[in-house]
Amino acid sequence: MTESITDFSAKEPSLGYFYQIKYALFVLLMSSKELDQPKIRIENLDDIEIETLNTLHLLQTKYHIKSKANLTDASVDFWKTIRIWSEHINNGLVDVDNTIFNLITTETVSETSLLMSFKETILSESELIELIGKLDKISLESSNNTNAKAYKAFQKLSITDKKKLIKNIRISDSSLDIDGVNEKIKKELIFSTYPSHLDAFLEILEGWWFKKSIDNLTGTIEFIDSVELQLKIVNIADSFKSDNLPNHFPEQLEVSNEDVDLVKEKMFMKQLSLIEVEASSRTVKRAISDFRRAFEQRSKWLRLHLLNPDEEEEYDRRLTDYWQNIFDIMCDEAEARGSSEYKLLGNQFYMEQFAKTCPQIKIREKFIEEYLTRGSYQILSDSKKIGWHPKYKDEV
């Protein structure tokens, strides 16, 4: 089905924001090798801002879907960007001498446009004066109302600041699209893990990066620096080693009363009800969270081929073997005390052995997240392979 203009125009800004955040990750990865202790900000002075000890790099990113248009002398993208930079200079927000102004666009600079000059990194004095003259002519004589505010902001600059600005502008056209940025990022990470794990590696890194970007956008953190990024990459790389696994679900889930009601008919919930653990209790909500996280994590490992099915079966066997040992002890006590105390003993068994404490049974030596163990026990409970009540097989 052909996309309508409305669909097209709605998607482009949304993808532009994703592109900006992804490109920021790519830029910080690249800058960490070339610049001195770079740190990055998003939507501060510009779309992307990279600060080092001595230099500020401002980046405007312009993303266009399937666009074949060229950047011309009167390009709206170009002049909107000039307006932003000119206003920053006029308002004293940037040191124009020590700032590099970058326009990153998926469009192409027309070969006949004066903007081709900005693809060169060095301009002679005469070229600089000639270029400013052409920009002055456009901004003073053009009747383009869309660019009017940009023309005005540029004309407020002194000739000295115009020279400094123009000298430090860089245009990178025909830039990577979103898929291209992904491929470039993966190439930067190529020595961080096995080739077959790169997609899974990037998924975790991007999840962390998007959270950090939101924190930066909301002012929770001032910037993201290269050291923090490096440490995260090392941390993720360690999780992909043979004695570890990546943790895709590090956060405890918020479980509402409505969520509890939706799963009340599941077997693991019936097993908890059998030993009189209150359905609306925090204990049950934690069990639901552990169940969901463990289920999703194990499924993800298998889907990404990070975990062998035989290894998963062996883990369940060890979990069951541990449970069976202490369950038998509890059942012996239950038989001595009588059926009237089965629920109480089952409740104490669950709370003491699996809720207040967690069996130290690891799927791999360095994966120490307890939600996986607790949640896996809930998964086994859901299939009635284990239980908490002495007579759980007969009662549920």
Protein backbone atom coordinates (compact mmCIF):
# COMPACT_ATOMS: atom_id res chain seq x y z
CA MET A 1 0.00 0.00 0.00
CA THR A 2 1.35 3.43 -0.94
CA GLU A 3 2.08 5.73 1.99
CA SER A 4 0.11 8.96 2.07
CA ILE A 5 1.82 12.33 2.44
CA THR A 6 0.36 12.56 5.95
CA ASP A 7 1.86 9.19 6.93
CA PHE A 8 5.18 10.21 5.43
CA SER A 9 5.33 13.61 7.15
CA ALA A 10 4.34 12.11 10.52
CA LYS A 11 6.98 9.38 10.44
CA GLU A 12 9.91 11.59 9.45
CA PRO A 13 10.08 13.75 12.64
CA SER A 14 9.68 10.67 14.86
CA LEU A 15 12.45 8.81 13.08
CA GLY A 16 14.50 12.00 13.24
CA TYR A 17 14.51 11.85 17.05
CA PHE A 18 15.55 8.19 17.06
CA TYR A 19 18.21 8.97 14.47
CA GLN A 20 19.54 11.82 16.62
CA ILE A 21 19.94 9.60 19.69
CA LYS A 22 21.46 6.72 17.72
CA TYR A 23 23.82 9.11 15.95
CA ALA A 24 24.87 10.55 19.31
CA LEU A 25 25.98 7.07 20.41
CA PHE A 26 27.91 6.61 17.17
CA VAL A 27 29.54 10.02 17.56
CA LEU A 28 30.64 9.37 21.14
CA LEU A 29 32.10 6.00 20.14
CA MET A 30 34.06 7.65 17.34
CA SER A 31 35.03 10.73 19.37
CA SER A 32 36.37 8.60 22.22
CA LYS A 33 39.18 7.48 19.91
CA GLU A 34 39.97 10.90 18.48
CA LEU A 35 39.15 13.54 21.11
CA ASP A 36 40.38 14.24 24.63
CA GLN A 37 37.85 13.02 27.23
CA PRO A 38 34.71 13.86 25.23
CA LYS A 39 31.31 14.19 26.88
CA ILE A 40 28.02 14.51 25.08
CA ARG A 41 24.77 16.38 25.60
CA ILE A 42 21.56 15.97 23.62
CA GLU A 43 19.23 18.89 22.78
CA ASN A 44 21.30 21.41 24.70
CA LEU A 45 22.97 24.03 22.54
CA ASP A 46 22.27 21.83 19.53
CA ASP A 47 20.85 18.43 18.56
CA ILE A 48 24.12 16.90 19.72
CA GLU A 49 26.86 18.69 21.62
CA ILE A 50 30.32 17.19 22.17
CA GLU A 51 32.58 18.95 24.65
CA THR A 52 36.25 18.24 25.17
CA LEU A 53 38.85 20.00 27.31
CA ASN A 54 39.55 22.55 24.56
CA THR A 55 36.83 22.37 21.90
CA LEU A 56 33.07 22.34 21.53
CA HIS A 57 31.48 20.45 18.62
CA LEU A 58 27.86 21.29 17.76
CA LEU A 59 25.99 18.88 15.50
CA GLN A 60 22.68 19.51 13.74
CA THR A 61 21.22 16.24 12.42
CA LYS A 62 18.74 16.37 9.54
CA TYR A 63 17.07 13.05 8.74
CA HIS A 64 14.88 12.62 5.65
CA ILE A 65 13.06 9.44 4.63
CA LYS A 66 13.75 8.32 1.06
CA SER A 67 14.65 11.89 0.22
CA LYS A 68 16.58 12.54 -2.97
CA ALA A 69 16.52 16.32 -2.60
CA ASN A 70 19.70 18.35 -2.70
CA LEU A 71 20.84 21.05 -0.32
CA THR A 72 20.87 24.32 -2.22
CA ASP A 73 21.88 27.90 -1.39
CA ALA A 74 18.42 28.65 0.03
CA SER A 75 17.95 25.30 1.76
CA VAL A 76 15.66 25.56 4.79
CA ASP A 77 17.72 22.93 6.66
CA PHE A 78 20.89 24.93 6.14
CA TRP A 79 19.49 28.33 7.07
CA LYS A 80 17.60 27.04 10.13
CA THR A 81 20.92 25.70 11.30
CA ILE A 82 22.69 28.98 10.57
CA ARG A 83 20.02 30.77 12.60
CA ILE A 84 20.62 28.54 15.66
CA TRP A 85 24.38 28.98 15.50
CA SER A 86 24.20 32.73 14.83
CA GLU A 87 21.88 33.27 17.79
CA HIS A 88 24.20 31.28 20.05
CA ILE A 89 27.10 33.52 18.98
CA ASN A 90 25.08 36.73 19.31
CA ASN A 91 23.90 35.69 22.78
CA GLY A 92 27.40 34.73 23.94
CA LEU A 93 26.50 31.07 24.46
CA VAL A 94 29.44 29.69 22.49
CA ASP A 95 33.06 30.63 21.99
CA VAL A 96 33.10 30.83 18.21
CA ASP A 97 36.89 30.50 18.09
CA ASN A 98 36.81 27.08 19.76
CA THR A 99 33.60 25.65 18.33
CA ILE A 100 33.18 23.39 15.31
CA PHE A 101 29.71 23.69 13.73
CA ASN A 102 28.55 20.48 12.03
CA LEU A 103 25.51 19.92 9.83
CA ILE A 104 24.85 16.18 9.39
CA THR A 105 22.24 15.49 6.71
CA THR A 106 20.97 12.53 4.74
CA GLU A 107 20.45 14.88 1.78
CA THR A 108 23.11 15.72 -0.77
CA VAL A 109 24.72 19.10 -1.38
CA SER A 110 24.06 20.25 -4.92
CA GLU A 111 27.27 20.40 -6.93
CA THR A 112 26.35 23.89 -8.10
CA SER A 113 25.64 25.18 -4.61
CA LEU A 114 27.98 27.41 -2.63
CA LEU A 115 27.39 24.98 0.25
CA MET A 116 29.95 22.70 -1.42
CA SER A 117 32.54 25.01 0.15
CA PHE A 118 31.56 23.75 3.61
CA LYS A 119 32.59 20.23 2.69
CA GLU A 120 36.17 21.49 2.61
CA THR A 121 37.93 21.72 5.97
CA ILE A 122 40.26 24.58 5.02
CA LEU A 123 39.28 27.82 3.30
CA SER A 124 41.72 30.50 2.25
CA GLU A 125 41.11 34.10 3.34
CA SER A 126 39.92 35.06 -0.15
CA GLU A 127 37.58 32.06 -0.33
CA LEU A 128 36.21 33.00 3.08
CA ILE A 129 35.48 36.59 2.06
CA GLU A 130 33.89 35.45 -1.20
CA LEU A 131 31.67 32.93 0.59
CA ILE A 132 30.49 35.49 3.17
CA GLY A 133 29.67 37.88 0.33
CA LYS A 134 27.47 35.27 -1.34
CA LEU A 135 25.70 34.43 1.94
CA ASP A 136 25.18 38.14 2.61
CA LYS A 137 23.67 38.55 -0.82
CA ILE A 138 21.22 35.68 -0.23
CA SER A 139 20.24 36.85 3.24
CA LEU A 140 19.77 40.50 2.18
CA GLU A 141 18.04 39.98 -1.17
CA SER A 142 16.06 36.77 -0.79
CA SER A 143 12.26 36.98 -0.47
CA ASN A 144 12.05 33.52 1.14
CA ASN A 145 9.84 34.14 4.20
CA THR A 146 10.63 30.71 5.68
CA ASN A 147 14.26 31.71 6.06
CA ALA A 148 13.62 35.34 7.07
CA LYS A 149 14.50 34.91 10.76
CA ALA A 150 17.63 33.00 9.84
CA TYR A 151 18.75 35.73 7.44
CA LYS A 152 18.19 38.33 10.16
CA ALA A 153 20.16 36.36 12.77
CA PHE A 154 23.08 35.94 10.34
CA GLN A 155 23.12 39.65 9.55
CA LYS A 156 23.36 40.49 13.25
CA LEU A 157 26.79 38.87 13.35
CA SER A 158 29.82 41.13 13.03
CA ILE A 159 32.05 40.53 10.04
CA THR A 160 34.64 39.06 12.41
CA ASP A 161 32.15 36.55 13.84
CA LYS A 162 30.88 35.73 10.35
CA LYS A 163 34.41 34.81 9.35
CA LYS A 164 34.92 32.66 12.43
CA LEU A 165 31.57 30.92 12.00
CA ILE A 166 32.00 30.22 8.30
CA LYS A 167 35.54 29.01 8.84
CA ASN A 168 34.38 26.46 11.41
CA ILE A 169 31.29 25.08 9.61
CA ARG A 170 31.44 21.49 8.35
CA ILE A 171 28.69 19.90 6.26
CA SER A 172 28.53 16.12 6.08
CA ASP A 173 25.98 15.25 3.40
CA SER A 174 24.59 11.91 2.15
CA SER A 175 24.90 10.80 5.74
CA LEU A 176 24.07 7.34 7.02
CA ASP A 177 20.44 6.39 7.48
CA ILE A 178 19.28 4.64 10.67
CA ASP A 179 20.28 1.19 9.41
CA GLY A 180 23.63 2.56 8.32
CA VAL A 181 24.26 4.06 11.76
CA ASN A 182 23.49 0.66 13.32
CA GLU A 183 26.02 -1.03 11.08
CA LYS A 184 28.66 1.58 11.89
CA ILE A 185 28.06 1.18 15.62
CA LYS A 186 28.42 -2.59 15.31
CA LYS A 187 31.72 -2.13 13.52
CA GLU A 188 32.92 0.00 16.43
CA LEU A 189 31.96 -2.85 18.77
CA ILE A 190 33.34 -5.65 16.61
CA PHE A 191 36.11 -6.61 19.03
CA SER A 192 33.86 -6.46 22.10
CA THR A 193 32.16 -9.83 21.60
CA TYR A 194 31.70 -12.78 19.25
CA PRO A 195 30.43 -11.86 15.77
CA SER A 196 27.24 -13.89 16.29
CA HIS A 197 26.48 -11.87 19.44
CA LEU A 198 26.83 -8.37 17.99
CA ASP A 199 23.10 -7.79 17.48
CA ALA A 200 22.33 -8.89 21.04
CA PHE A 201 25.23 -6.78 22.34
CA LEU A 202 23.97 -3.68 20.53
CA GLU A 203 20.43 -4.23 21.79
CA ILE A 204 21.61 -4.07 25.40
CA LEU A 205 23.91 -1.10 24.79
CA GLU A 206 21.16 0.83 23.02
CA GLY A 207 18.72 0.14 25.85
CA TRP A 208 21.20 1.64 28.29
CA TRP A 209 21.99 4.52 25.92
CA PHE A 210 18.35 5.47 25.40
CA LYS A 211 17.81 5.52 29.17
CA LYS A 212 20.89 7.72 29.61
CA SER A 213 19.69 9.98 26.81
CA ILE A 214 16.31 10.42 28.50
CA ASP A 215 18.09 11.21 31.78
CA ASN A 216 20.12 13.86 29.94
CA LEU A 217 17.07 15.29 28.18
CA THR A 218 15.15 15.56 31.45
CA GLY A 219 18.09 17.12 33.29
CA THR A 220 18.64 14.16 35.62
CA ILE A 221 22.24 14.03 34.42
CA GLU A 222 24.25 16.86 32.87
CA PHE A 223 26.04 14.80 30.22
CA ILE A 224 27.20 11.32 29.20
CA ASP A 225 30.95 10.95 29.04
CA SER A 226 33.20 8.56 27.13
CA VAL A 227 34.51 6.85 30.27
CA GLU A 228 30.98 5.90 31.32
CA LEU A 229 30.31 4.52 27.85
CA GLN A 230 33.56 2.56 27.87
CA LEU A 231 32.79 1.04 31.27
CA LYS A 232 29.32 0.00 30.08
CA ILE A 233 30.76 -1.68 26.99
CA VAL A 234 33.25 -3.57 29.15
CA ASN A 235 30.43 -4.58 31.51
CA ILE A 236 28.26 -5.86 28.65
CA ALA A 237 31.24 -7.66 27.10
CA ASP A 238 31.84 -9.46 30.39
CA SER A 239 28.21 -10.65 30.40
CA PHE A 240 28.75 -12.36 27.03
CA LYS A 241 31.63 -14.52 28.25
CA SER A 242 31.23 -18.27 28.62
CA ASP A 243 30.70 -18.08 32.41
CA ASN A 244 28.08 -15.31 32.22
CA LEU A 245 24.96 -14.14 30.39
CA PRO A 246 23.61 -10.65 29.58
CA ASN A 247 20.85 -9.32 31.82
CA HIS A 248 18.11 -7.80 29.65
CA PHE A 249 15.64 -7.23 32.49
CA PRO A 250 17.56 -5.57 35.35
CA GLU A 251 14.62 -3.61 36.75
CA GLN A 252 11.95 -4.94 39.08
CA LEU A 253 8.53 -4.76 37.39
CA GLU A 254 5.68 -2.68 38.76
CA VAL A 255 2.75 -5.06 39.29
CA SER A 256 -0.70 -3.59 39.91
CA ASN A 257 -3.79 -5.22 41.41
CA GLU A 258 -5.19 -5.37 37.87
CA ASP A 259 -2.06 -7.27 36.76
CA VAL A 260 -2.61 -9.74 39.60
CA ASP A 261 -6.21 -10.29 38.50
CA LEU A 262 -5.11 -11.04 34.94
CA VAL A 263 -2.90 -13.96 36.02
CA LYS A 264 -4.92 -15.30 38.93
CA GLU A 265 -5.84 -18.45 36.99
CA LYS A 266 -2.25 -19.42 36.28
CA MET A 267 -1.04 -22.50 38.10
CA PHE A 268 1.77 -20.76 39.99
CA MET A 269 -0.79 -18.30 41.38
CA LYS A 270 -3.08 -21.15 42.45
CA GLN A 271 -0.14 -22.77 44.20
CA LEU A 272 0.51 -19.58 46.18
CA SER A 273 -3.18 -19.30 47.00
CA LEU A 274 -3.18 -22.90 48.26
CA ILE A 275 -0.69 -21.96 50.99
CA GLU A 276 -2.67 -18.81 51.75
CA VAL A 277 -0.32 -16.14 50.40
CA GLU A 278 -2.63 -13.16 49.97
CA ALA A 279 -3.20 -12.36 46.27
CA SER A 280 -2.90 -8.59 46.76
CA SER A 281 0.28 -8.88 48.87
CA ARG A 282 3.65 -7.51 47.88
CA THR A 283 4.93 -11.09 48.10
CA VAL A 284 2.63 -12.23 45.29
CA LYS A 285 3.40 -9.15 43.19
CA ARG A 286 7.10 -9.86 43.56
CA ALA A 287 6.47 -13.47 42.51
CA ILE A 288 4.65 -12.26 39.38
CA SER A 289 7.49 -9.89 38.56
CA ASP A 290 10.08 -12.64 39.02
CA PHE A 291 8.02 -15.05 36.90
CA ARG A 292 7.71 -12.59 34.03
CA ARG A 293 11.32 -11.47 34.09
CA ALA A 294 12.67 -15.01 34.28
CA PHE A 295 10.35 -16.22 31.51
CA GLU A 296 11.25 -13.35 29.18
CA GLN A 297 14.96 -13.56 29.96
CA ARG A 298 15.20 -17.30 29.35
CA SER A 299 13.19 -16.97 26.13
CA LYS A 300 15.45 -14.17 24.95
CA TRP A 301 18.64 -16.10 25.64
CA LEU A 302 17.32 -19.07 23.65
CA ARG A 303 16.10 -16.85 20.82
CA LEU A 304 19.48 -15.13 20.56
CA HIS A 305 21.31 -18.46 20.80
CA LEU A 306 23.12 -17.34 23.92
CA LEU A 307 21.85 -20.32 25.91
CA ASN A 308 21.81 -23.95 24.82
CA PRO A 309 18.46 -25.72 25.41
CA ASP A 310 20.36 -28.57 27.07
CA GLU A 311 21.90 -26.06 29.46
CA GLU A 312 18.45 -24.72 30.30
CA GLU A 313 17.19 -28.24 31.02
CA GLU A 314 20.19 -28.91 33.25
CA TYR A 315 19.51 -25.72 35.19
CA ASP A 316 15.89 -26.76 35.78
CA ARG A 317 17.09 -30.18 36.90
CA ARG A 318 19.40 -28.63 39.50
CA LEU A 319 16.64 -26.32 40.70
CA THR A 320 14.27 -29.26 41.05
CA ASP A 321 16.83 -31.41 42.79
CA TYR A 322 17.45 -28.71 45.42
CA TRP A 323 13.70 -28.20 45.92
CA GLN A 324 13.06 -31.94 46.22
CA ASN A 325 15.60 -32.32 49.01
CA ILE A 326 14.10 -29.65 51.28
CA PHE A 327 10.52 -30.41 50.20
CA ASP A 328 10.90 -34.00 51.40
CA ILE A 329 12.08 -32.73 54.78
CA MET A 330 9.03 -30.46 55.02
CA CYS A 331 6.70 -33.33 54.02
CA ASP A 332 8.13 -35.57 56.76
CA GLU A 333 7.36 -32.85 59.29
CA ALA A 334 3.87 -32.39 57.82
CA GLU A 335 3.04 -36.08 58.21
CA ALA A 336 4.13 -35.98 61.83
CA ARG A 337 1.98 -32.93 62.58
CA GLY A 338 -1.16 -33.79 60.63
CA SER A 339 -3.10 -32.46 57.62
CA SER A 340 -4.53 -29.52 59.57
CA GLU A 341 -1.12 -27.85 59.45
CA TYR A 342 -0.30 -28.51 55.79
CA LYS A 343 -1.13 -24.99 54.65
CA LEU A 344 0.85 -23.41 57.47
CA LEU A 345 3.87 -25.60 56.82
CA GLY A 346 3.64 -24.98 53.09
CA ASN A 347 3.47 -21.23 53.70
CA GLN A 348 6.50 -21.34 56.00
CA PHE A 349 8.37 -23.53 53.51
CA TYR A 350 7.80 -21.08 50.66
CA MET A 351 8.44 -17.92 52.66
CA GLU A 352 11.60 -19.12 54.40
CA GLN A 353 13.23 -21.01 51.53
CA PHE A 354 12.17 -19.12 48.40
CA ALA A 355 10.84 -15.66 49.34
CA LYS A 356 12.91 -14.34 52.25
CA THR A 357 16.00 -16.12 50.96
CA CYS A 358 17.01 -17.39 47.53
CA PRO A 359 18.70 -20.71 46.70
CA GLN A 360 22.19 -20.07 45.37
CA ILE A 361 21.78 -22.03 42.15
CA LYS A 362 23.25 -20.19 39.18
CA ILE A 363 22.60 -20.82 35.54
CA ARG A 364 26.19 -19.67 34.95
CA GLU A 365 28.81 -18.81 37.51
CA LYS A 366 28.82 -15.03 37.05
CA PHE A 367 25.11 -14.52 36.46
CA ILE A 368 23.99 -13.75 40.00
CA GLU A 369 20.56 -12.15 39.47
CA GLU A 370 18.20 -13.72 42.00
CA TYR A 371 15.06 -12.93 39.98
CA LEU A 372 16.10 -15.67 37.55
CA THR A 373 16.24 -18.31 40.29
CA ARG A 374 13.04 -17.21 42.03
CA GLY A 375 11.23 -16.74 38.73
CA SER A 376 12.39 -20.11 37.42
CA TYR A 377 10.93 -21.75 40.50
CA GLN A 378 7.64 -20.01 39.72
CA ILE A 379 7.87 -21.35 36.15
CA LEU A 380 8.40 -24.88 37.49
CA SER A 381 5.49 -24.33 39.88
CA ASP A 382 3.33 -23.20 36.97
CA SER A 383 3.81 -26.58 35.29
CA LYS A 384 3.34 -28.42 38.63
CA LYS A 385 6.85 -29.86 38.48
CA ILE A 386 7.31 -28.47 41.98
CA GLY A 387 5.04 -27.05 44.67
CA TRP A 388 4.87 -25.58 48.16
CA HIS A 389 1.97 -27.44 49.78
CA PRO A 390 2.76 -31.01 50.94
CA LYS A 391 -0.13 -32.32 48.82
CA TYR A 392 0.07 -29.79 45.98
CA LYS A 393 -0.33 -32.44 43.27
CA ASP A 394 -3.75 -33.37 44.62
CA GLU A 395 -4.97 -29.95 45.74
CA VAL A 396 -4.45 -27.81 42.57
